[in-house]
Structure formats: C-alpha cells, structure tokens
Amino acid sequence: MTASIGSNTPTPAPTTSGQTTSAAQATLGSDLNTFLKLLTTQLQNQDPESPLDTNQFTQQLVSFSQVEQAINTNTKLDNLIALQSADQSVAALPLVGHTVQFSDNKLPLVDGSAQFAYTLPSQASQAVITVSDASGKIVFQGQGDTAAGAHTFSWDGHGSDGGQLPDGTYTFNVSATASDGSAITATDTSFGKVDSVQFSNGTTSVRINGVSEPLGKIVAITS
C-alpha cells in the first residue's frame, strides 16, 4: 500500500520489517512454551539418582532471553525507521508544485515541452542526443554541445520527421566521443514538476510529471 501526499489522501501502510519482527516474536514465544513444557516433563520424570544438569537448561533459558532482547531491539529500530521515513515525507511536502532537477534519463513530455541536462567530464568531438519512446523506438536524434561541463537541452516534442509526439514519459541518451574515438560517459539529469509525495514500505518518493523517483534522486530545486 502507498500513502500519497499532494494528490491523494494519506493511507497508512504496514512495513515488511515490522511484519517480520512480529513473526519472529510469535515463533520465539511458541518455541519457549514448548521448551518449558519439555523441561517440566523432564523434571517430573527424572531419575532421583541421576538428576538433570541444571546448567544446561539454565543456559538454554539465557539463550531464549538473549533472542527476545534482540527481537525487542529490532522492534524499536523498526519504529525509529518508520518515524524517520514519515519525517522525510513531511519534509518533502513543500516540493509539491515546484520544478526539480533529478538524476535520471527519464524525460517527461508535458504540453509539448521537456527539458534535460547532461554533463561531459571532458571535451568531446561529437555528442549525439537520442530520445526514445516507451517501447524503445527512437523518435528523435540531434546534435548536442561538445564542450566539457554542464549543458541543458530543451525538446519541443517534435520527432525527427517533424511531427508532434504525444505527451508522456520518454528516455534520452547522450552518446559522446572524444577526438580519438573513445567514448565519453555523460551524467544525465532531467527536469519536471513534483505532483505528489509518496510513502510506501518505509521509502519516500516523489512523483514528477507522472514519473516516480526516490527522494534521494532530486539534485536541485529550480523553481
């Protein structure tokens, strides 16, 4: 289940770690009850001339106690993580309605407009920009800036054939080569407006023009 802030009413979602801890507590309780029943039966039926070694079952009881303490510690950690995640969701709420720059090559085309950026670590002799649709089909190719540093590219949603493409999520790639023909790896980022903040399974994410991204991928707020 997902709680979304900004477009939908928040809905509480149980965490997988919390469910795992509860299952561990139930298993420990069942094992301890079984152990105590066996111990009681052994004590009732022990040979008076050869009584049970109390050190053995004492050590077993200590082991159960240590496991119980470990489970309780995990429970408290789960609660702290849940609180921290909730704090992140609240802290991210002011992002709703703002345009952000995020680290991904997903390109949301909205009202025939999209913008992305790429950074070249060194001078390139050629930089080819390729935009593909959801099926992986190349719909646009063009030349990009080749100087070392950050570059911003605005795309109007027109394909290589000049036709207007529908709004949606596309992907872009920058293929850069040096003068000696070696490949240069570009760092890609994209721009979009935050629609909502989402909280699911202990993780906070934002929805940017229909694209879901982890909160940690946001690198800048541009407006």
C-alpha atoms as a PDB file:
ATOM      1  CA  MET A   1       0.000   0.000   0.000  1.00  0.00           C
ATOM      2  CA  THR A   2       1.113   3.556  -0.694  1.00  0.00           C
ATOM      3  CA  ALA A   3       0.425   6.825   1.070  1.00  0.00           C
ATOM      4  CA  SER A   4       0.472   9.775  -1.290  1.00  0.00           C
ATOM      5  CA  ILE A   5       0.666  13.393  -0.172  1.00  0.00           C
ATOM      6  CA  GLY A   6      -0.304  16.117  -2.584  1.00  0.00           C
ATOM      7  CA  SER A   7      -2.835  14.323  -4.766  1.00  0.00           C
ATOM      8  CA  ASN A   8      -4.484  11.633  -2.617  1.00  0.00           C
ATOM      9  CA  THR A   9      -5.470  11.126   1.000  1.00  0.00           C
ATOM     10  CA  PRO A  10      -2.631   9.523   3.011  1.00  0.00           C
ATOM     11  CA  THR A  11      -3.169   5.851   3.808  1.00  0.00           C
ATOM     12  CA  PRO A  12      -1.114   4.042   6.462  1.00  0.00           C
ATOM     13  CA  ALA A  13       0.998   1.182   5.144  1.00  0.00           C
ATOM     14  CA  PRO A  14       2.475  -1.632   7.235  1.00  0.00           C
ATOM     15  CA  THR A  15       6.175  -2.250   6.741  1.00  0.00           C
ATOM     16  CA  THR A  16       7.679  -5.580   5.792  1.00  0.00           C
ATOM     17  CA  SER A  17      10.274  -5.307   8.576  1.00  0.00           C
ATOM     18  CA  GLY A  18       7.501  -4.823  11.164  1.00  0.00           C
ATOM     19  CA  GLN A  19       5.694  -7.927   9.932  1.00  0.00           C
ATOM     20  CA  THR A  20       8.942  -9.915  10.077  1.00  0.00           C
ATOM     21  CA  THR A  21       9.585  -8.815  13.673  1.00  0.00           C
ATOM     22  CA  SER A  22       6.048  -9.807  14.744  1.00  0.00           C
ATOM     23  CA  ALA A  23       6.500 -13.234  13.160  1.00  0.00           C
ATOM     24  CA  ALA A  24       9.821 -13.668  14.982  1.00  0.00           C
ATOM     25  CA  GLN A  25       8.191 -12.780  18.310  1.00  0.00           C
ATOM     26  CA  ALA A  26       5.381 -15.304  17.720  1.00  0.00           C
ATOM     27  CA  THR A  27       7.894 -18.041  16.799  1.00  0.00           C
ATOM     28  CA  LEU A  28      10.052 -17.311  19.854  1.00  0.00           C
ATOM     29  CA  GLY A  29       7.016 -17.444  22.165  1.00  0.00           C
ATOM     30  CA  SER A  30       5.924 -20.781  20.704  1.00  0.00           C
ATOM     31  CA  ASP A  31       9.435 -22.255  20.990  1.00  0.00           C
ATOM     32  CA  LEU A  32       9.800 -21.038  24.583  1.00  0.00           C
ATOM     33  CA  ASN A  33       6.459 -22.572  25.616  1.00  0.00           C
ATOM     34  CA  THR A  34       7.452 -25.870  24.026  1.00  0.00           C
ATOM     35  CA  PHE A  35      10.827 -25.784  25.805  1.00  0.00           C
ATOM     36  CA  LEU A  36       9.235 -25.087  29.190  1.00  0.00           C
ATOM     37  CA  LYS A  37       6.758 -27.976  28.718  1.00  0.00           C
ATOM     38  CA  LEU A  38       9.609 -30.351  27.873  1.00  0.00           C
ATOM     39  CA  LEU A  39      11.649 -29.105  30.817  1.00  0.00           C
ATOM     40  CA  THR A  40       8.732 -29.568  33.224  1.00  0.00           C
ATOM     41  CA  THR A  41       8.144 -33.094  31.949  1.00  0.00           C
ATOM     42  CA  GLN A  42      11.838 -33.928  32.331  1.00  0.00           C
ATOM     43  CA  LEU A  43      11.930 -32.601  35.898  1.00  0.00           C
ATOM     44  CA  GLN A  44       8.818 -34.596  36.812  1.00  0.00           C
ATOM     45  CA  ASN A  45      10.201 -37.819  35.404  1.00  0.00           C
ATOM     46  CA  GLN A  46      13.907 -37.501  36.213  1.00  0.00           C
ATOM     47  CA  ASP A  47      15.841 -40.256  37.922  1.00  0.00           C
ATOM     48  CA  PRO A  48      16.414 -39.188  41.569  1.00  0.00           C
ATOM     49  CA  GLU A  49      19.798 -40.943  41.488  1.00  0.00           C
ATOM     50  CA  SER A  50      20.817 -39.133  38.284  1.00  0.00           C
ATOM     51  CA  PRO A  51      19.143 -35.709  38.295  1.00  0.00           C
ATOM     52  CA  LEU A  52      19.236 -33.342  35.309  1.00  0.00           C
ATOM     53  CA  ASP A  53      22.132 -30.934  34.949  1.00  0.00           C
ATOM     54  CA  THR A  54      20.595 -27.559  35.825  1.00  0.00           C
ATOM     55  CA  ASN A  55      23.397 -25.714  33.992  1.00  0.00           C
ATOM     56  CA  GLN A  56      22.160 -26.989  30.629  1.00  0.00           C
ATOM     57  CA  PHE A  57      18.588 -25.738  30.843  1.00  0.00           C
ATOM     58  CA  THR A  58      19.767 -22.522  32.539  1.00  0.00           C
ATOM     59  CA  GLN A  59      21.962 -21.800  29.521  1.00  0.00           C
ATOM     60  CA  GLN A  60      19.013 -22.518  27.229  1.00  0.00           C
ATOM     61  CA  LEU A  61      16.817 -20.083  29.168  1.00  0.00           C
ATOM     62  CA  VAL A  62      19.565 -17.457  28.880  1.00  0.00           C
ATOM     63  CA  SER A  63      19.694 -18.056  25.110  1.00  0.00           C
ATOM     64  CA  PHE A  64      15.928 -17.515  24.823  1.00  0.00           C
ATOM     65  CA  SER A  65      16.293 -14.294  26.821  1.00  0.00           C
ATOM     66  CA  GLN A  66      19.055 -13.031  24.515  1.00  0.00           C
ATOM     67  CA  VAL A  67      16.982 -13.746  21.414  1.00  0.00           C
ATOM     68  CA  GLU A  68      13.994 -11.954  22.967  1.00  0.00           C
ATOM     69  CA  GLN A  69      16.154  -8.906  23.695  1.00  0.00           C
ATOM     70  CA  ALA A  70      17.440  -8.895  20.107  1.00  0.00           C
ATOM     71  CA  ILE A  71      13.877  -9.022  18.734  1.00  0.00           C
ATOM     72  CA  ASN A  72      12.819  -6.174  21.030  1.00  0.00           C
ATOM     73  CA  THR A  73      15.793  -4.130  19.796  1.00  0.00           C
ATOM     74  CA  ASN A  74      14.739  -4.762  16.186  1.00  0.00           C
ATOM     75  CA  THR A  75      11.202  -3.639  17.035  1.00  0.00           C
ATOM     76  CA  LYS A  76      12.491  -0.348  18.406  1.00  0.00           C
ATOM     77  CA  LEU A  77      14.700   0.138  15.333  1.00  0.00           C
ATOM     78  CA  ASP A  78      11.686  -0.515  13.064  1.00  0.00           C
ATOM     79  CA  ASN A  79       9.755   2.170  14.935  1.00  0.00           C
ATOM     80  CA  LEU A  80      12.626   4.653  14.592  1.00  0.00           C
ATOM     81  CA  ILE A  81      12.934   3.945  10.849  1.00  0.00           C
ATOM     82  CA  ALA A  82       9.178   4.419  10.380  1.00  0.00           C
ATOM     83  CA  LEU A  83       9.309   7.745  12.224  1.00  0.00           C
ATOM     84  CA  GLN A  84      12.303   8.890  10.168  1.00  0.00           C
ATOM     85  CA  SER A  85      10.556   7.949   6.903  1.00  0.00           C
ATOM     86  CA  ALA A  86       7.423   9.824   7.969  1.00  0.00           C
ATOM     87  CA  ASP A  87       9.568  12.867   8.777  1.00  0.00           C
ATOM     88  CA  GLN A  88      11.099  12.675   5.289  1.00  0.00           C
ATOM     89  CA  SER A  89       7.640  12.623   3.709  1.00  0.00           C
ATOM     90  CA  VAL A  90       6.568  15.698   5.655  1.00  0.00           C
ATOM     91  CA  ALA A  91       9.863  17.452   4.868  1.00  0.00           C
ATOM     92  CA  ALA A  92       9.393  16.731   1.141  1.00  0.00           C
ATOM     93  CA  LEU A  93       5.834  18.098   1.048  1.00  0.00           C
ATOM     94  CA  PRO A  94       6.937  21.687   0.145  1.00  0.00           C
ATOM     95  CA  LEU A  95       8.383  20.257  -3.114  1.00  0.00           C
ATOM     96  CA  VAL A  96       4.857  19.709  -4.495  1.00  0.00           C
ATOM     97  CA  GLY A  97       4.218  22.168  -7.312  1.00  0.00           C
ATOM     98  CA  HIS A  98       7.894  23.028  -7.798  1.00  0.00           C
ATOM     99  CA  THR A  99      10.116  22.126 -10.740  1.00  0.00           C
ATOM    100  CA  VAL A 100      13.067  19.979  -9.729  1.00  0.00           C
ATOM    101  CA  GLN A 101      16.126  18.507 -11.371  1.00  0.00           C
ATOM    102  CA  PHE A 102      16.524  14.775 -10.759  1.00  0.00           C
ATOM    103  CA  SER A 103      19.200  12.234 -11.558  1.00  0.00           C
ATOM    104  CA  ASP A 104      17.679  10.025 -14.274  1.00  0.00           C
ATOM    105  CA  ASN A 105      17.367   9.806 -18.054  1.00  0.00           C
ATOM    106  CA  LYS A 106      13.558   9.622 -17.935  1.00  0.00           C
ATOM    107  CA  LEU A 107      12.097  12.543 -19.848  1.00  0.00           C
ATOM    108  CA  PRO A 108       8.516  13.644 -19.061  1.00  0.00           C
ATOM    109  CA  LEU A 109       6.967  15.475 -22.032  1.00  0.00           C
ATOM    110  CA  VAL A 110       4.207  17.789 -20.775  1.00  0.00           C
ATOM    111  CA  ASP A 111       2.246  20.163 -23.053  1.00  0.00           C
ATOM    112  CA  GLY A 112       4.790  19.523 -25.800  1.00  0.00           C
ATOM    113  CA  SER A 113       7.736  20.597 -23.683  1.00  0.00           C
ATOM    114  CA  ALA A 114      10.565  18.716 -21.951  1.00  0.00           C
ATOM    115  CA  GLN A 115      13.969  19.644 -20.606  1.00  0.00           C
ATOM    116  CA  PHE A 116      17.018  17.674 -19.561  1.00  0.00           C
ATOM    117  CA  ALA A 117      20.690  18.255 -18.858  1.00  0.00           C
ATOM    118  CA  TYR A 118      23.933  16.372 -19.295  1.00  0.00           C
ATOM    119  CA  THR A 119      27.476  16.939 -18.087  1.00  0.00           C
ATOM    120  CA  LEU A 120      30.597  15.986 -20.027  1.00  0.00           C
ATOM    121  CA  PRO A 121      33.776  15.399 -17.985  1.00  0.00           C
ATOM    122  CA  SER A 122      35.967  16.421 -20.935  1.00  0.00           C
ATOM    123  CA  GLN A 123      35.811  17.982 -24.395  1.00  0.00           C
ATOM    124  CA  ALA A 124      34.060  15.808 -26.973  1.00  0.00           C
ATOM    125  CA  SER A 125      34.347  15.851 -30.740  1.00  0.00           C
ATOM    126  CA  GLN A 126      30.710  14.763 -31.088  1.00  0.00           C
ATOM    127  CA  ALA A 127      27.650  14.465 -28.847  1.00  0.00           C
ATOM    128  CA  VAL A 128      24.537  12.795 -30.241  1.00  0.00           C
ATOM    129  CA  ILE A 129      21.254  13.177 -28.348  1.00  0.00           C
ATOM    130  CA  THR A 130      18.771  10.330 -28.763  1.00  0.00           C
ATOM    131  CA  VAL A 131      15.181  10.325 -27.461  1.00  0.00           C
ATOM    132  CA  SER A 132      13.170   7.086 -27.363  1.00  0.00           C
ATOM    133  CA  ASP A 133       9.524   6.379 -26.573  1.00  0.00           C
ATOM    134  CA  ALA A 134       8.163   3.886 -24.023  1.00  0.00           C
ATOM    135  CA  SER A 135       8.608   0.970 -26.441  1.00  0.00           C
ATOM    136  CA  GLY A 136      12.280   1.839 -27.042  1.00  0.00           C
ATOM    137  CA  LYS A 137      11.714   3.238 -30.524  1.00  0.00           C
ATOM    138  CA  ILE A 138      13.977   6.188 -31.415  1.00  0.00           C
ATOM    139  CA  VAL A 139      11.789   9.204 -32.113  1.00  0.00           C
ATOM    140  CA  PHE A 140      14.370  12.000 -32.166  1.00  0.00           C
ATOM    141  CA  GLN A 141      18.082  12.483 -32.735  1.00  0.00           C
ATOM    142  CA  GLY A 142      20.100  15.675 -32.717  1.00  0.00           C
ATOM    143  CA  GLN A 143      23.489  17.179 -32.039  1.00  0.00           C
ATOM    144  CA  GLY A 144      24.394  18.430 -28.578  1.00  0.00           C
ATOM    145  CA  ASP A 145      27.061  20.736 -27.179  1.00  0.00           C
ATOM    146  CA  THR A 146      30.507  19.125 -27.025  1.00  0.00           C
ATOM    147  CA  ALA A 147      32.335  21.374 -24.539  1.00  0.00           C
ATOM    148  CA  ALA A 148      33.306  19.984 -21.153  1.00  0.00           C
ATOM    149  CA  GLY A 149      30.813  20.892 -18.434  1.00  0.00           C
ATOM    150  CA  ALA A 150      27.032  21.034 -17.927  1.00  0.00           C
ATOM    151  CA  HIS A 151      24.589  21.562 -20.805  1.00  0.00           C
ATOM    152  CA  THR A 152      20.814  21.992 -20.833  1.00  0.00           C
ATOM    153  CA  PHE A 153      18.669  20.825 -23.753  1.00  0.00           C
ATOM    154  CA  SER A 154      15.026  21.765 -24.353  1.00  0.00           C
ATOM    155  CA  TRP A 155      12.918  19.467 -26.521  1.00  0.00           C
ATOM    156  CA  ASP A 156       9.622  20.603 -28.055  1.00  0.00           C
ATOM    157  CA  GLY A 157       8.289  17.084 -28.538  1.00  0.00           C
ATOM    158  CA  HIS A 158       8.766  17.053 -32.292  1.00  0.00           C
ATOM    159  CA  GLY A 159      10.119  13.824 -33.759  1.00  0.00           C
ATOM    160  CA  SER A 160      12.848  13.545 -36.356  1.00  0.00           C
ATOM    161  CA  ASP A 161      10.121  13.584 -39.024  1.00  0.00           C
ATOM    162  CA  GLY A 162       8.820  16.927 -37.750  1.00  0.00           C
ATOM    163  CA  GLY A 163       5.583  15.533 -36.306  1.00  0.00           C
ATOM    164  CA  GLN A 164       4.368  16.403 -32.827  1.00  0.00           C
ATOM    165  CA  LEU A 165       4.632  13.489 -30.413  1.00  0.00           C
ATOM    166  CA  PRO A 166       2.066  12.866 -27.633  1.00  0.00           C
ATOM    167  CA  ASP A 167       2.765  13.808 -24.046  1.00  0.00           C
ATOM    168  CA  GLY A 168       4.197  11.025 -21.909  1.00  0.00           C
ATOM    169  CA  THR A 169       7.409   9.640 -20.491  1.00  0.00           C
ATOM    170  CA  TYR A 170      10.358   9.267 -22.855  1.00  0.00           C
ATOM    171  CA  THR A 171      14.008   8.429 -22.267  1.00  0.00           C
ATOM    172  CA  PHE A 172      17.062  10.256 -23.558  1.00  0.00           C
ATOM    173  CA  ASN A 173      20.669   9.260 -24.064  1.00  0.00           C
ATOM    174  CA  VAL A 174      23.760  11.310 -24.845  1.00  0.00           C
ATOM    175  CA  SER A 175      26.426   9.427 -26.792  1.00  0.00           C
ATOM    176  CA  ALA A 176      29.666  11.425 -26.720  1.00  0.00           C
ATOM    177  CA  THR A 177      33.028  10.558 -28.260  1.00  0.00           C
ATOM    178  CA  ALA A 178      36.476  12.112 -27.914  1.00  0.00           C
ATOM    179  CA  SER A 179      38.704  13.126 -30.814  1.00  0.00           C
ATOM    180  CA  ASP A 180      40.447   9.731 -30.670  1.00  0.00           C
ATOM    181  CA  GLY A 181      37.117   7.924 -30.993  1.00  0.00           C
ATOM    182  CA  SER A 182      36.911   6.799 -27.364  1.00  0.00           C
ATOM    183  CA  ALA A 183      33.588   7.022 -25.562  1.00  0.00           C
ATOM    184  CA  ILE A 184      32.906   9.783 -23.008  1.00  0.00           C
ATOM    185  CA  THR A 185      30.360   8.994 -20.310  1.00  0.00           C
ATOM    186  CA  ALA A 186      27.857  11.804 -19.754  1.00  0.00           C
ATOM    187  CA  THR A 187      25.986  12.353 -16.486  1.00  0.00           C
ATOM    188  CA  ASP A 188      22.250  12.693 -17.188  1.00  0.00           C
ATOM    189  CA  THR A 189      19.604  14.651 -15.288  1.00  0.00           C
ATOM    190  CA  SER A 190      16.057  15.617 -16.131  1.00  0.00           C
ATOM    191  CA  PHE A 191      13.562  18.311 -15.098  1.00  0.00           C
ATOM    192  CA  GLY A 192       9.924  18.112 -14.070  1.00  0.00           C
ATOM    193  CA  LYS A 193       7.258  19.397 -11.686  1.00  0.00           C
ATOM    194  CA  VAL A 194       6.558  17.460  -8.481  1.00  0.00           C
ATOM    195  CA  ASP A 195       2.933  16.260  -8.437  1.00  0.00           C
ATOM    196  CA  SER A 196       2.916  14.464  -5.080  1.00  0.00           C
ATOM    197  CA  VAL A 197       4.987  12.898  -2.315  1.00  0.00           C
ATOM    198  CA  GLN A 198       4.554   9.177  -1.752  1.00  0.00           C
ATOM    199  CA  PHE A 199       5.330   6.909   1.201  1.00  0.00           C
ATOM    200  CA  SER A 200       5.450   3.164   0.594  1.00  0.00           C
ATOM    201  CA  ASN A 201       7.107   0.344   2.573  1.00  0.00           C
ATOM    202  CA  GLY A 202       9.265   2.738   4.545  1.00  0.00           C
ATOM    203  CA  THR A 203      10.508   4.610   1.453  1.00  0.00           C
ATOM    204  CA  THR A 204       9.706   8.195   0.457  1.00  0.00           C
ATOM    205  CA  SER A 205       9.455   9.019  -3.237  1.00  0.00           C
ATOM    206  CA  VAL A 206       8.120  11.860  -5.349  1.00  0.00           C
ATOM    207  CA  ARG A 207       6.001  11.755  -8.487  1.00  0.00           C
ATOM    208  CA  ILE A 208       7.422  14.116 -11.108  1.00  0.00           C
ATOM    209  CA  ASN A 209       5.099  14.686 -14.074  1.00  0.00           C
ATOM    210  CA  GLY A 210       3.925  11.098 -13.732  1.00  0.00           C
ATOM    211  CA  VAL A 211       7.425   9.676 -13.148  1.00  0.00           C
ATOM    212  CA  SER A 212       8.052   8.126  -9.719  1.00  0.00           C
ATOM    213  CA  GLU A 213      11.545   8.799  -8.334  1.00  0.00           C
ATOM    214  CA  PRO A 214      13.187   8.174  -4.936  1.00  0.00           C
ATOM    215  CA  LEU A 215      13.553  11.364  -2.916  1.00  0.00           C
ATOM    216  CA  GLY A 216      17.335  10.950  -2.960  1.00  0.00           C
ATOM    217  CA  LYS A 217      17.468  11.405  -6.748  1.00  0.00           C
ATOM    218  CA  ILE A 218      16.480  15.072  -6.558  1.00  0.00           C
ATOM    219  CA  VAL A 219      19.637  17.147  -7.090  1.00  0.00           C
ATOM    220  CA  ALA A 220      18.176  20.675  -7.298  1.00  0.00           C
ATOM    221  CA  ILE A 221      15.008  22.745  -6.998  1.00  0.00           C
ATOM    222  CA  THR A 222      14.825  25.071  -9.975  1.00  0.00           C
ATOM    223  CA  SER A 223      11.644  26.998  -9.171  1.00  0.00           C
END
